[in-house]
Amino acid sequence: MMSWITTVVPIIGPTILANDLTSEPITESSQASLRDKKMLLAARDEAAAFVASHGAIMGVRLEAALQHLRPHYPETSDDQLAQAILAWEDS
Protein backbone atom coordinates (compact mmCIF):
# COMPACT_ATOMS: atom_id res chain seq x y z
CA MET A 1 0.00 0.00 0.00
CA MET A 2 1.14 3.55 -0.60
CA SER A 3 2.20 4.41 2.94
CA TRP A 4 3.26 7.97 2.14
CA ILE A 5 -0.33 8.90 1.31
CA THR A 6 -1.90 8.62 4.73
CA THR A 7 -3.66 11.87 5.55
CA VAL A 8 -6.59 13.56 3.92
CA VAL A 9 -7.09 17.11 2.81
CA PRO A 10 -10.34 18.72 1.63
CA ILE A 11 -10.39 19.57 -2.06
CA ILE A 12 -13.69 20.81 -3.50
CA GLY A 13 -15.89 19.17 -0.89
CA PRO A 14 -14.85 15.51 -0.52
CA THR A 15 -11.62 14.61 1.19
CA ILE A 16 -8.80 12.97 -0.70
CA LEU A 17 -5.15 12.14 -0.51
CA ALA A 18 -2.31 14.33 0.61
CA ASN A 19 1.21 13.53 1.65
CA ASP A 20 2.57 12.41 4.98
CA LEU A 21 6.16 11.58 4.15
CA THR A 22 8.56 10.26 6.72
CA SER A 23 12.31 10.00 6.67
CA GLU A 24 12.56 6.22 6.83
CA PRO A 25 15.66 4.30 5.75
CA ILE A 26 15.44 2.91 2.23
CA THR A 27 13.91 -0.57 2.36
CA GLU A 28 12.10 -2.71 -0.18
CA SER A 29 8.80 -1.01 0.69
CA SER A 30 10.36 2.45 0.62
CA GLN A 31 11.80 1.58 -2.82
CA ALA A 32 8.18 1.13 -3.94
CA SER A 33 7.38 4.46 -2.29
CA LEU A 34 10.17 6.12 -4.27
CA ARG A 35 8.70 4.70 -7.49
CA ASP A 36 5.26 6.02 -6.47
CA LYS A 37 6.70 9.48 -5.80
CA LYS A 38 8.47 9.51 -9.16
CA MET A 39 5.22 8.51 -10.87
CA LEU A 40 3.33 11.38 -9.25
CA LEU A 41 6.07 13.90 -9.98
CA ALA A 42 6.12 12.80 -13.63
CA ALA A 43 2.33 13.25 -13.83
CA ARG A 44 2.17 16.78 -12.37
CA ASP A 45 2.35 18.73 -15.64
CA GLU A 46 -0.26 16.47 -17.20
CA ALA A 47 -2.44 16.81 -14.08
CA ALA A 48 -2.29 20.59 -14.50
CA ALA A 49 -3.34 20.31 -18.15
CA PHE A 50 -6.14 17.90 -17.20
CA VAL A 51 -7.53 20.24 -14.52
CA ALA A 52 -7.15 23.36 -16.69
CA SER A 53 -8.92 21.68 -19.63
CA HIS A 54 -11.74 20.33 -17.43
CA GLY A 55 -10.71 16.77 -18.27
CA ALA A 56 -10.24 17.19 -22.02
CA ILE A 57 -6.46 16.63 -21.94
CA MET A 58 -5.16 13.40 -20.37
CA GLY A 59 -1.57 12.33 -20.91
CA VAL A 60 -0.18 8.84 -20.49
CA ARG A 61 1.73 9.67 -17.30
CA LEU A 62 -1.39 11.04 -15.64
CA GLU A 63 -3.41 8.04 -16.78
CA ALA A 64 -0.81 5.70 -15.26
CA ALA A 65 -0.87 7.63 -11.98
CA LEU A 66 -4.67 7.60 -11.87
CA GLN A 67 -4.77 3.85 -12.53
CA HIS A 68 -2.28 3.38 -9.70
CA LEU A 69 -4.30 5.55 -7.28
CA ARG A 70 -7.83 4.36 -8.16
CA PRO A 71 -7.73 1.10 -6.14
CA HIS A 72 -6.79 3.10 -3.04
CA TYR A 73 -9.36 5.87 -3.64
CA PRO A 74 -12.26 4.24 -5.58
CA GLU A 75 -14.82 6.95 -4.72
CA THR A 76 -12.58 9.82 -5.87
CA SER A 77 -13.02 11.35 -9.32
CA ASP A 78 -10.20 11.74 -11.83
CA ASP A 79 -10.44 15.51 -11.41
CA GLN A 80 -10.07 15.26 -7.63
CA LEU A 81 -7.10 12.90 -7.96
CA ALA A 82 -5.46 15.22 -10.50
CA GLN A 83 -5.95 18.17 -8.13
CA ALA A 84 -4.45 16.13 -5.29
CA ILE A 85 -1.42 15.31 -7.46
CA LEU A 86 -0.98 19.04 -8.03
CA ALA A 87 -1.37 19.82 -4.32
CA TRP A 88 1.03 17.05 -3.24
CA GLU A 89 4.45 18.28 -2.16
CA ASP A 90 7.49 16.03 -2.20
CA SER A 91 9.34 17.08 0.93
PDB file of N, CA and C in Angstrom:
ATOM      1  N   MET A   1       0.840  -1.186   0.000  1.00  0.00           N
ATOM      2  CA  MET A   1       0.000   0.000   0.000  1.00  0.00           C
ATOM      3  C   MET A   1       0.880   1.241   0.000  1.00  0.00           C
ATOM      4  N   MET A   2       0.371   2.320  -0.455  1.00  0.00           N
ATOM      5  CA  MET A   2       1.141   3.551  -0.596  1.00  0.00           C
ATOM      6  C   MET A   2       1.174   4.273   0.744  1.00  0.00           C
ATOM      7  N   SER A   3       2.145   3.916   1.570  1.00  0.00           N
ATOM      8  CA  SER A   3       2.195   4.406   2.940  1.00  0.00           C
ATOM      9  C   SER A   3       2.416   5.905   3.050  1.00  0.00           C
ATOM     10  N   TRP A   4       2.976   6.541   2.050  1.00  0.00           N
ATOM     11  CA  TRP A   4       3.255   7.974   2.137  1.00  0.00           C
ATOM     12  C   TRP A   4       2.010   8.802   1.905  1.00  0.00           C
ATOM     13  N   ILE A   5       0.936   8.188   1.443  1.00  0.00           N
ATOM     14  CA  ILE A   5      -0.329   8.900   1.307  1.00  0.00           C
ATOM     15  C   ILE A   5      -1.213   8.418   2.445  1.00  0.00           C
ATOM     16  N   THR A   6      -1.162   9.106   3.571  1.00  0.00           N
ATOM     17  CA  THR A   6      -1.900   8.618   4.732  1.00  0.00           C
ATOM     18  C   THR A   6      -2.836   9.640   5.351  1.00  0.00           C
ATOM     19  N   THR A   7      -2.744  10.883   4.980  1.00  0.00           N
ATOM     20  CA  THR A   7      -3.655  11.868   5.552  1.00  0.00           C
ATOM     21  C   THR A   7      -4.603  12.359   4.476  1.00  0.00           C
ATOM     22  N   VAL A   8      -5.638  13.029   4.885  1.00  0.00           N
ATOM     23  CA  VAL A   8      -6.592  13.560   3.917  1.00  0.00           C
ATOM     24  C   VAL A   8      -6.636  15.071   4.005  1.00  0.00           C
ATOM     25  N   VAL A   9      -7.019  15.658   2.918  1.00  0.00           N
ATOM     26  CA  VAL A   9      -7.092  17.109   2.812  1.00  0.00           C
ATOM     27  C   VAL A   9      -8.349  17.432   2.012  1.00  0.00           C
ATOM     28  N   PRO A  10      -9.145  18.430   2.408  1.00  0.00           N
ATOM     29  CA  PRO A  10     -10.344  18.721   1.631  1.00  0.00           C
ATOM     30  C   PRO A  10      -9.994  19.420   0.323  1.00  0.00           C
ATOM     31  N   ILE A  11     -10.537  18.921  -0.752  1.00  0.00           N
ATOM     32  CA  ILE A  11     -10.389  19.565  -2.064  1.00  0.00           C
ATOM     33  C   ILE A  11     -11.762  19.524  -2.714  1.00  0.00           C
ATOM     34  N   ILE A  12     -12.364  20.685  -2.889  1.00  0.00           N
ATOM     35  CA  ILE A  12     -13.686  20.811  -3.500  1.00  0.00           C
ATOM     36  C   ILE A  12     -14.682  19.851  -2.853  1.00  0.00           C
ATOM     37  N   GLY A  13     -14.885  19.973  -1.576  1.00  0.00           N
ATOM     38  CA  GLY A  13     -15.885  19.169  -0.885  1.00  0.00           C
ATOM     39  C   GLY A  13     -15.344  17.880  -0.293  1.00  0.00           C
ATOM     40  N   PRO A  14     -15.294  16.782  -1.088  1.00  0.00           N
ATOM     41  CA  PRO A  14     -14.848  15.512  -0.518  1.00  0.00           C
ATOM     42  C   PRO A  14     -13.393  15.564  -0.077  1.00  0.00           C
ATOM     43  N   THR A  15     -13.020  14.657   0.768  1.00  0.00           N
ATOM     44  CA  THR A  15     -11.625  14.605   1.190  1.00  0.00           C
ATOM     45  C   THR A  15     -10.880  13.583   0.366  1.00  0.00           C
ATOM     46  N   ILE A  16      -9.619  13.917   0.039  1.00  0.00           N
ATOM     47  CA  ILE A  16      -8.800  12.970  -0.700  1.00  0.00           C
ATOM     48  C   ILE A  16      -7.362  13.075  -0.257  1.00  0.00           C
ATOM     49  N   LEU A  17      -6.525  12.342  -0.935  1.00  0.00           N
ATOM     50  CA  LEU A  17      -5.150  12.141  -0.515  1.00  0.00           C
ATOM     51  C   LEU A  17      -4.303  13.399  -0.400  1.00  0.00           C
ATOM     52  N   ALA A  18      -3.359  13.328   0.478  1.00  0.00           N
ATOM     53  CA  ALA A  18      -2.308  14.333   0.612  1.00  0.00           C
ATOM     54  C   ALA A  18      -1.086  13.574   1.095  1.00  0.00           C
ATOM     55  N   ASN A  19      -0.002  14.264   1.280  1.00  0.00           N
ATOM     56  CA  ASN A  19       1.211  13.527   1.655  1.00  0.00           C
ATOM     57  C   ASN A  19       1.484  13.562   3.149  1.00  0.00           C
ATOM     58  N   ASP A  20       2.088  12.497   3.606  1.00  0.00           N
ATOM     59  CA  ASP A  20       2.571  12.411   4.980  1.00  0.00           C
ATOM     60  C   ASP A  20       3.870  11.624   4.916  1.00  0.00           C
ATOM     61  N   LEU A  21       4.891  12.262   4.397  1.00  0.00           N
ATOM     62  CA  LEU A  21       6.160  11.579   4.155  1.00  0.00           C
ATOM     63  C   LEU A  21       6.973  11.511   5.434  1.00  0.00           C
ATOM     64  N   THR A  22       7.666  10.416   5.580  1.00  0.00           N
ATOM     65  CA  THR A  22       8.556  10.264   6.721  1.00  0.00           C
ATOM     66  C   THR A  22       9.960  10.042   6.211  1.00  0.00           C
ATOM     67  N   SER A  23      10.923  10.221   7.073  1.00  0.00           N
ATOM     68  CA  SER A  23      12.313  10.001   6.672  1.00  0.00           C
ATOM     69  C   SER A  23      12.761   8.629   7.145  1.00  0.00           C
ATOM     70  N   GLU A  24      12.212   7.593   6.506  1.00  0.00           N
ATOM     71  CA  GLU A  24      12.561   6.220   6.835  1.00  0.00           C
ATOM     72  C   GLU A  24      13.788   5.806   6.041  1.00  0.00           C
ATOM     73  N   PRO A  25      14.552   4.833   6.550  1.00  0.00           N
ATOM     74  CA  PRO A  25      15.658   4.305   5.751  1.00  0.00           C
ATOM     75  C   PRO A  25      15.105   3.600   4.514  1.00  0.00           C
ATOM     76  N   ILE A  26      15.900   3.537   3.468  1.00  0.00           N
ATOM     77  CA  ILE A  26      15.443   2.906   2.233  1.00  0.00           C
ATOM     78  C   ILE A  26      15.361   1.403   2.440  1.00  0.00           C
ATOM     79  N   THR A  27      14.166   0.869   2.262  1.00  0.00           N
ATOM     80  CA  THR A  27      13.914  -0.565   2.355  1.00  0.00           C
ATOM     81  C   THR A  27      13.183  -0.974   1.091  1.00  0.00           C
ATOM     82  N   GLU A  28      12.835  -2.255   1.003  1.00  0.00           N
ATOM     83  CA  GLU A  28      12.096  -2.709  -0.177  1.00  0.00           C
ATOM     84  C   GLU A  28      10.783  -1.949  -0.326  1.00  0.00           C
ATOM     85  N   SER A  29      10.059  -1.741   0.783  1.00  0.00           N
ATOM     86  CA  SER A  29       8.798  -1.013   0.694  1.00  0.00           C
ATOM     87  C   SER A  29       9.026   0.468   0.407  1.00  0.00           C
ATOM     88  N   SER A  30      10.108   1.039   0.925  1.00  0.00           N
ATOM     89  CA  SER A  30      10.362   2.446   0.617  1.00  0.00           C
ATOM     90  C   SER A  30      10.858   2.603  -0.814  1.00  0.00           C
ATOM     91  N   GLN A  31      11.443   1.542  -1.394  1.00  0.00           N
ATOM     92  CA  GLN A  31      11.796   1.577  -2.820  1.00  0.00           C
ATOM     93  C   GLN A  31      10.521   1.725  -3.639  1.00  0.00           C
ATOM     94  N   ALA A  32       9.470   0.994  -3.255  1.00  0.00           N
ATOM     95  CA  ALA A  32       8.180   1.125  -3.940  1.00  0.00           C
ATOM     96  C   ALA A  32       7.647   2.539  -3.753  1.00  0.00           C
ATOM     97  N   SER A  33       7.815   3.089  -2.556  1.00  0.00           N
ATOM     98  CA  SER A  33       7.380   4.457  -2.295  1.00  0.00           C
ATOM     99  C   SER A  33       8.110   5.448  -3.188  1.00  0.00           C
ATOM    100  N   LEU A  34       9.397   5.242  -3.381  1.00  0.00           N
ATOM    101  CA  LEU A  34      10.168   6.119  -4.269  1.00  0.00           C
ATOM    102  C   LEU A  34       9.635   6.047  -5.695  1.00  0.00           C
ATOM    103  N   ARG A  35       9.283   4.845  -6.144  1.00  0.00           N
ATOM    104  CA  ARG A  35       8.699   4.704  -7.489  1.00  0.00           C
ATOM    105  C   ARG A  35       7.365   5.433  -7.569  1.00  0.00           C
ATOM    106  N   ASP A  36       6.548   5.326  -6.507  1.00  0.00           N
ATOM    107  CA  ASP A  36       5.263   6.020  -6.474  1.00  0.00           C
ATOM    108  C   ASP A  36       5.461   7.530  -6.550  1.00  0.00           C
ATOM    109  N   LYS A  37       6.418   8.040  -5.784  1.00  0.00           N
ATOM    110  CA  LYS A  37       6.701   9.478  -5.800  1.00  0.00           C
ATOM    111  C   LYS A  37       7.125   9.933  -7.183  1.00  0.00           C
ATOM    112  N   LYS A  38       8.008   9.152  -7.813  1.00  0.00           N
ATOM    113  CA  LYS A  38       8.469   9.508  -9.159  1.00  0.00           C
ATOM    114  C   LYS A  38       7.309   9.519 -10.141  1.00  0.00           C
ATOM    115  N   MET A  39       6.390   8.561  -9.991  1.00  0.00           N
ATOM    116  CA  MET A  39       5.225   8.507 -10.871  1.00  0.00           C
ATOM    117  C   MET A  39       4.372   9.766 -10.715  1.00  0.00           C
ATOM    118  N   LEU A  40       4.136  10.185  -9.474  1.00  0.00           N
ATOM    119  CA  LEU A  40       3.328  11.382  -9.245  1.00  0.00           C
ATOM    120  C   LEU A  40       4.031  12.638  -9.741  1.00  0.00           C
ATOM    121  N   LEU A  41       5.323  12.733  -9.492  1.00  0.00           N
ATOM    122  CA  LEU A  41       6.070  13.898  -9.980  1.00  0.00           C
ATOM    123  C   LEU A  41       6.030  13.975 -11.499  1.00  0.00           C
ATOM    124  N   ALA A  42       6.153  12.828 -12.165  1.00  0.00           N
ATOM    125  CA  ALA A  42       6.121  12.796 -13.629  1.00  0.00           C
ATOM    126  C   ALA A  42       4.748  13.185 -14.167  1.00  0.00           C
ATOM    127  N   ALA A  43       3.701  12.976 -13.374  1.00  0.00           N
ATOM    128  CA  ALA A  43       2.333  13.249 -13.829  1.00  0.00           C
ATOM    129  C   ALA A  43       1.865  14.668 -13.529  1.00  0.00           C
ATOM    130  N   ARG A  44       2.649  15.452 -12.818  1.00  0.00           N
ATOM    131  CA  ARG A  44       2.171  16.779 -12.374  1.00  0.00           C
ATOM    132  C   ARG A  44       1.809  17.720 -13.513  1.00  0.00           C
ATOM    133  N   ASP A  45       2.666  17.832 -14.522  1.00  0.00           N
ATOM    134  CA  ASP A  45       2.351  18.735 -15.639  1.00  0.00           C
ATOM    135  C   ASP A  45       1.079  18.298 -16.350  1.00  0.00           C
ATOM    136  N   GLU A  46       0.937  16.979 -16.532  1.00  0.00           N
ATOM    137  CA  GLU A  46      -0.258  16.468 -17.197  1.00  0.00           C
ATOM    138  C   GLU A  46      -1.495  16.642 -16.316  1.00  0.00           C
ATOM    139  N   ALA A  47      -1.326  16.558 -15.001  1.00  0.00           N
ATOM    140  CA  ALA A  47      -2.441  16.806 -14.085  1.00  0.00           C
ATOM    141  C   ALA A  47      -2.896  18.257 -14.196  1.00  0.00           C
ATOM    142  N   ALA A  48      -1.950  19.174 -14.331  1.00  0.00           N
ATOM    143  CA  ALA A  48      -2.293  20.592 -14.495  1.00  0.00           C
ATOM    144  C   ALA A  48      -3.072  20.808 -15.790  1.00  0.00           C
ATOM    145  N   ALA A  49      -2.638  20.181 -16.867  1.00  0.00           N
ATOM    146  CA  ALA A  49      -3.341  20.306 -18.149  1.00  0.00           C
ATOM    147  C   ALA A  49      -4.736  19.697 -18.054  1.00  0.00           C
ATOM    148  N   PHE A  50      -4.854  18.573 -17.368  1.00  0.00           N
ATOM    149  CA  PHE A  50      -6.140  17.900 -17.197  1.00  0.00           C
ATOM    150  C   PHE A  50      -7.121  18.796 -16.445  1.00  0.00           C
ATOM    151  N   VAL A  51      -6.670  19.368 -15.332  1.00  0.00           N
ATOM    152  CA  VAL A  51      -7.529  20.237 -14.524  1.00  0.00           C
ATOM    153  C   VAL A  51      -7.888  21.502 -15.301  1.00  0.00           C
ATOM    154  N   ALA A  52      -6.906  22.119 -15.943  1.00  0.00           N
ATOM    155  CA  ALA A  52      -7.152  23.362 -16.687  1.00  0.00           C
ATOM    156  C   ALA A  52      -8.101  23.154 -17.864  1.00  0.00           C
ATOM    157  N   SER A  53      -8.064  21.962 -18.468  1.00  0.00           N
ATOM    158  CA  SER A  53      -8.917  21.683 -19.631  1.00  0.00           C
ATOM    159  C   SER A  53     -10.235  21.021 -19.236  1.00  0.00           C
ATOM    160  N   HIS A  54     -10.522  20.971 -17.946  1.00  0.00           N
ATOM    161  CA  HIS A  54     -11.740  20.331 -17.428  1.00  0.00           C
ATOM    162  C   HIS A  54     -11.858  18.892 -17.912  1.00  0.00           C
ATOM    163  N   GLY A  55     -10.722  18.189 -17.929  1.00  0.00           N
ATOM    164  CA  GLY A  55     -10.712  16.775 -18.266  1.00  0.00           C
ATOM    165  C   GLY A  55     -10.516  16.441 -19.727  1.00  0.00           C
ATOM    166  N   ALA A  56     -10.377  17.445 -20.580  1.00  0.00           N
ATOM    167  CA  ALA A  56     -10.239  17.188 -22.018  1.00  0.00           C
ATOM    168  C   ALA A  56      -8.853  16.668 -22.390  1.00  0.00           C
ATOM    169  N   ILE A  57      -7.835  17.041 -21.629  1.00  0.00           N
ATOM    170  CA  ILE A  57      -6.461  16.626 -21.937  1.00  0.00           C
ATOM    171  C   ILE A  57      -6.002  15.634 -20.873  1.00  0.00           C
ATOM    172  N   MET A  58      -5.695  14.401 -21.304  1.00  0.00           N
ATOM    173  CA  MET A  58      -5.165  13.401 -20.371  1.00  0.00           C
ATOM    174  C   MET A  58      -3.964  12.733 -21.013  1.00  0.00           C
ATOM    175  N   GLY A  59      -2.793  12.946 -20.416  1.00  0.00           N
ATOM    176  CA  GLY A  59      -1.567  12.333 -20.914  1.00  0.00           C
ATOM    177  C   GLY A  59      -1.363  10.943 -20.333  1.00  0.00           C
ATOM    178  N   VAL A  60      -0.422  10.220 -20.914  1.00  0.00           N
ATOM    179  CA  VAL A  60      -0.179   8.835 -20.494  1.00  0.00           C
ATOM    180  C   VAL A  60       0.386   8.744 -19.072  1.00  0.00           C
ATOM    181  N   ARG A  61       1.181   9.707 -18.663  1.00  0.00           N
ATOM    182  CA  ARG A  61       1.728   9.674 -17.296  1.00  0.00           C
ATOM    183  C   ARG A  61       0.630   9.891 -16.258  1.00  0.00           C
ATOM    184  N   LEU A  62      -0.269  10.818 -16.549  1.00  0.00           N
ATOM    185  CA  LEU A  62      -1.387  11.044 -15.636  1.00  0.00           C
ATOM    186  C   LEU A  62      -2.286   9.814 -15.601  1.00  0.00           C
ATOM    187  N   GLU A  63      -2.572   9.234 -16.744  1.00  0.00           N
ATOM    188  CA  GLU A  63      -3.415   8.037 -16.783  1.00  0.00           C
ATOM    189  C   GLU A  63      -2.796   6.912 -15.952  1.00  0.00           C
ATOM    190  N   ALA A  64      -1.490   6.727 -16.050  1.00  0.00           N
ATOM    191  CA  ALA A  64      -0.811   5.696 -15.256  1.00  0.00           C
ATOM    192  C   ALA A  64      -0.929   5.996 -13.761  1.00  0.00           C
ATOM    193  N   ALA A  65      -0.755   7.252 -13.391  1.00  0.00           N
ATOM    194  CA  ALA A  65      -0.865   7.635 -11.977  1.00  0.00           C
ATOM    195  C   ALA A  65      -2.291   7.420 -11.469  1.00  0.00           C
ATOM    196  N   LEU A  66      -3.279   7.783 -12.273  1.00  0.00           N
ATOM    197  CA  LEU A  66      -4.672   7.597 -11.865  1.00  0.00           C
ATOM    198  C   LEU A  66      -5.005   6.114 -11.713  1.00  0.00           C
ATOM    199  N   GLN A  67      -4.530   5.297 -12.635  1.00  0.00           N
ATOM    200  CA  GLN A  67      -4.765   3.854 -12.530  1.00  0.00           C
ATOM    201  C   GLN A  67      -4.119   3.288 -11.271  1.00  0.00           C
ATOM    202  N   HIS A  68      -2.981   3.823 -10.908  1.00  0.00           N
ATOM    203  CA  HIS A  68      -2.282   3.378  -9.698  1.00  0.00           C
ATOM    204  C   HIS A  68      -3.026   3.817  -8.430  1.00  0.00           C
ATOM    205  N   LEU A  69      -3.613   5.012  -8.457  1.00  0.00           N
ATOM    206  CA  LEU A  69      -4.295   5.550  -7.280  1.00  0.00           C
ATOM    207  C   LEU A  69      -5.723   5.034  -7.115  1.00  0.00           C
ATOM    208  N   ARG A  70      -6.413   4.726  -8.219  1.00  0.00           N
ATOM    209  CA  ARG A  70      -7.833   4.356  -8.162  1.00  0.00           C
ATOM    210  C   ARG A  70      -8.160   3.239  -7.174  1.00  0.00           C
ATOM    211  N   PRO A  71      -7.385   2.153  -7.115  1.00  0.00           N
ATOM    212  CA  PRO A  71      -7.731   1.096  -6.144  1.00  0.00           C
ATOM    213  C   PRO A  71      -7.711   1.581  -4.690  1.00  0.00           C
ATOM    214  N   HIS A  72      -6.897   2.575  -4.397  1.00  0.00           N
ATOM    215  CA  HIS A  72      -6.789   3.101  -3.038  1.00  0.00           C
ATOM    216  C   HIS A  72      -7.855   4.150  -2.744  1.00  0.00           C
ATOM    217  N   TYR A  73      -8.376   4.793  -3.781  1.00  0.00           N
ATOM    218  CA  TYR A  73      -9.361   5.872  -3.643  1.00  0.00           C
ATOM    219  C   TYR A  73     -10.476   5.669  -4.662  1.00  0.00           C
ATOM    220  N   PRO A  74     -11.269   4.579  -4.547  1.00  0.00           N
ATOM    221  CA  PRO A  74     -12.256   4.242  -5.578  1.00  0.00           C
ATOM    222  C   PRO A  74     -13.399   5.247  -5.714  1.00  0.00           C
ATOM    223  N   GLU A  75     -13.705   5.991  -4.677  1.00  0.00           N
ATOM    224  CA  GLU A  75     -14.816   6.947  -4.718  1.00  0.00           C
ATOM    225  C   GLU A  75     -14.392   8.335  -5.207  1.00  0.00           C
ATOM    226  N   THR A  76     -13.116   8.510  -5.504  1.00  0.00           N
ATOM    227  CA  THR A  76     -12.578   9.816  -5.866  1.00  0.00           C
ATOM    228  C   THR A  76     -12.539   9.971  -7.380  1.00  0.00           C
ATOM    229  N   SER A  77     -12.986  11.111  -7.874  1.00  0.00           N
ATOM    230  CA  SER A  77     -13.015  11.347  -9.322  1.00  0.00           C
ATOM    231  C   SER A  77     -11.611  11.599  -9.868  1.00  0.00           C
ATOM    232  N   ASP A  78     -11.476  11.444 -11.180  1.00  0.00           N
ATOM    233  CA  ASP A  78     -10.195  11.737 -11.832  1.00  0.00           C
ATOM    234  C   ASP A  78      -9.782  13.183 -11.581  1.00  0.00           C
ATOM    235  N   ASP A  79     -10.750  14.099 -11.635  1.00  0.00           N
ATOM    236  CA  ASP A  79     -10.445  15.513 -11.413  1.00  0.00           C
ATOM    237  C   ASP A  79      -9.912  15.738  -9.995  1.00  0.00           C
ATOM    238  N   GLN A  80     -10.528  15.107  -9.016  1.00  0.00           N
ATOM    239  CA  GLN A  80     -10.070  15.261  -7.634  1.00  0.00           C
ATOM    240  C   GLN A  80      -8.680  14.659  -7.448  1.00  0.00           C
ATOM    241  N   LEU A  81      -8.429  13.502  -8.055  1.00  0.00           N
ATOM    242  CA  LEU A  81      -7.099  12.899  -7.957  1.00  0.00           C
ATOM    243  C   LEU A  81      -6.056  13.777  -8.635  1.00  0.00           C
ATOM    244  N   ALA A  82      -6.397  14.341  -9.800  1.00  0.00           N
ATOM    245  CA  ALA A  82      -5.459  15.223 -10.503  1.00  0.00           C
ATOM    246  C   ALA A  82      -5.150  16.456  -9.653  1.00  0.00           C
ATOM    247  N   GLN A  83      -6.174  17.016  -9.007  1.00  0.00           N
ATOM    248  CA  GLN A  83      -5.948  18.168  -8.127  1.00  0.00           C
ATOM    249  C   GLN A  83      -5.076  17.788  -6.934  1.00  0.00           C
ATOM    250  N   ALA A  84      -5.272  16.589  -6.417  1.00  0.00           N
ATOM    251  CA  ALA A  84      -4.450  16.132  -5.295  1.00  0.00           C
ATOM    252  C   ALA A  84      -2.999  15.947  -5.721  1.00  0.00           C
ATOM    253  N   ILE A  85      -2.781  15.444  -6.937  1.00  0.00           N
ATOM    254  CA  ILE A  85      -1.415  15.306  -7.456  1.00  0.00           C
ATOM    255  C   ILE A  85      -0.761  16.682  -7.528  1.00  0.00           C
ATOM    256  N   LEU A  86      -1.520  17.679  -7.962  1.00  0.00           N
ATOM    257  CA  LEU A  86      -0.983  19.045  -8.031  1.00  0.00           C
ATOM    258  C   LEU A  86      -0.694  19.604  -6.638  1.00  0.00           C
ATOM    259  N   ALA A  87      -1.535  19.282  -5.674  1.00  0.00           N
ATOM    260  CA  ALA A  87      -1.370  19.818  -4.320  1.00  0.00           C
ATOM    261  C   ALA A  87      -0.284  19.095  -3.537  1.00  0.00           C
ATOM    262  N   TRP A  88       0.043  17.872  -3.950  1.00  0.00           N
ATOM    263  CA  TRP A  88       1.027  17.054  -3.239  1.00  0.00           C
ATOM    264  C   TRP A  88       2.401  17.697  -3.330  1.00  0.00           C
ATOM    265  N   GLU A  89       3.091  17.731  -2.208  1.00  0.00           N
ATOM    266  CA  GLU A  89       4.450  18.281  -2.164  1.00  0.00           C
ATOM    267  C   GLU A  89       5.414  17.197  -1.747  1.00  0.00           C
ATOM    268  N   ASP A  90       6.458  17.012  -2.519  1.00  0.00           N
ATOM    269  CA  ASP A  90       7.493  16.031  -2.196  1.00  0.00           C
ATOM    270  C   ASP A  90       8.515  16.702  -1.296  1.00  0.00           C
ATOM    271  N   SER A  91       8.411  16.444   0.009  1.00  0.00           N
ATOM    272  CA  SER A  91       9.344  17.082   0.935  1.00  0.00           C
ATOM    273  C   SER A  91      10.383  16.118   1.416  1.00  0.00           C
TER     274      SER A  91
END
